[in-house]
């Protein structure tokens, strides 16, 4: 779906679609959302929708990073959440 200006709208798709996003895809879309918010020129409703989408994308990124950390910890034999310094 696109807005009148040809850019993708911020309306989130079904949650299952979000679950399929890779870290890189979520990060790239989050960057676009932030750029649109920073550029201004959107209505209050559009801004709120963009903000909500950004929050959802940030959660996806955080989840992917936590999963990557757990995999690294498992591969290195360290207990989850511990670093070499702790």
Protein backbone atom coordinates (compact mmCIF):
# COMPACT_ATOMS: atom_id res chain seq x y z
CA UNK A 1 0.00 0.00 0.00
CA UNK A 2 1.34 3.48 -0.84
CA UNK A 3 0.44 7.00 0.13
CA UNK A 4 -0.53 9.67 -2.40
CA UNK A 5 3.13 10.65 -2.65
CA UNK A 6 4.08 7.12 -3.73
CA UNK A 7 5.80 6.22 -0.46
CA UNK A 8 4.80 3.15 1.51
CA UNK A 9 2.25 3.84 4.20
CA UNK A 10 3.09 3.14 7.80
CA UNK A 11 0.11 0.90 8.39
CA UNK A 12 1.48 -2.29 9.88
CA UNK A 13 0.63 -5.54 8.19
CA UNK A 14 -0.45 -8.65 10.01
CA UNK A 15 1.78 -9.64 12.89
CA UNK A 16 2.78 -12.80 11.05
CA UNK A 17 4.28 -10.63 8.29
CA UNK A 18 6.35 -8.79 10.90
CA UNK A 19 7.57 -12.09 12.31
CA UNK A 20 9.05 -12.88 8.90
CA UNK A 21 11.15 -9.71 8.82
CA UNK A 22 14.88 -10.16 9.21
CA UNK A 23 16.82 -7.84 11.46
CA UNK A 24 18.13 -5.99 8.41
CA UNK A 25 14.66 -5.56 6.91
CA UNK A 26 13.21 -4.27 10.18
CA UNK A 27 16.18 -1.93 10.69
CA UNK A 28 15.93 -0.53 7.16
CA UNK A 29 12.19 0.08 7.51
CA UNK A 30 12.77 1.67 10.93
CA UNK A 31 15.30 4.05 9.35
CA UNK A 32 12.69 5.04 6.74
CA UNK A 33 10.08 5.62 9.44
CA UNK A 34 12.46 7.82 11.44
CA UNK A 35 13.38 9.81 8.33
CA UNK A 36 9.71 10.43 7.54
CA UNK A 37 9.04 11.56 11.10
CA UNK A 38 12.07 13.84 11.09
CA UNK A 39 11.09 15.33 7.72
CA UNK A 40 7.73 16.42 9.10
CA UNK A 41 4.85 17.33 6.86
CA UNK A 42 2.64 14.51 8.09
CA UNK A 43 -0.65 14.83 9.87
CA UNK A 44 -0.93 14.05 13.55
CA UNK A 45 -2.63 10.77 12.73
CA UNK A 46 0.08 9.82 10.23
CA UNK A 47 2.77 10.75 12.73
CA UNK A 48 1.17 8.59 15.41
CA UNK A 49 0.88 5.70 12.99
CA UNK A 50 4.52 6.09 11.99
CA UNK A 51 5.56 6.25 15.66
CA UNK A 52 3.63 3.05 16.43
CA UNK A 53 5.20 1.32 13.44
CA UNK A 54 8.62 2.47 14.56
CA UNK A 55 8.05 1.07 18.04
CA UNK A 56 7.00 -2.28 16.57
CA UNK A 57 10.05 -2.36 14.31
CA UNK A 58 12.35 -1.47 17.21
CA UNK A 59 10.90 -4.39 19.20
CA UNK A 60 11.54 -6.71 16.24
CA UNK A 61 15.14 -5.51 16.02
CA UNK A 62 15.63 -5.98 19.76
CA UNK A 63 14.21 -9.51 19.60
CA UNK A 64 16.48 -10.43 16.69
CA UNK A 65 19.53 -9.03 18.51
CA UNK A 66 18.64 -10.91 21.70
CA UNK A 67 18.29 -14.10 19.67
CA UNK A 68 21.66 -13.53 18.05
CA UNK A 69 23.24 -12.93 21.47
CA UNK A 70 21.74 -16.16 22.81
CA UNK A 71 23.09 -18.09 19.83
CA UNK A 72 26.56 -16.60 20.30
CA UNK A 73 26.48 -17.35 24.02
CA UNK A 74 25.40 -20.94 23.33
CA UNK A 75 28.11 -21.40 20.71
CA UNK A 76 30.81 -20.01 22.99
CA UNK A 77 29.65 -21.96 26.04
CA UNK A 78 28.91 -18.83 28.11
CA UNK A 79 25.76 -18.60 30.20
CA UNK A 80 23.12 -16.40 28.56
CA UNK A 81 23.48 -12.70 29.18
CA UNK A 82 27.01 -12.94 30.55
CA UNK A 83 29.93 -11.24 28.90
CA UNK A 84 33.62 -11.85 29.37
CA UNK A 85 33.73 -8.91 31.77
CA UNK A 86 30.88 -10.07 34.02
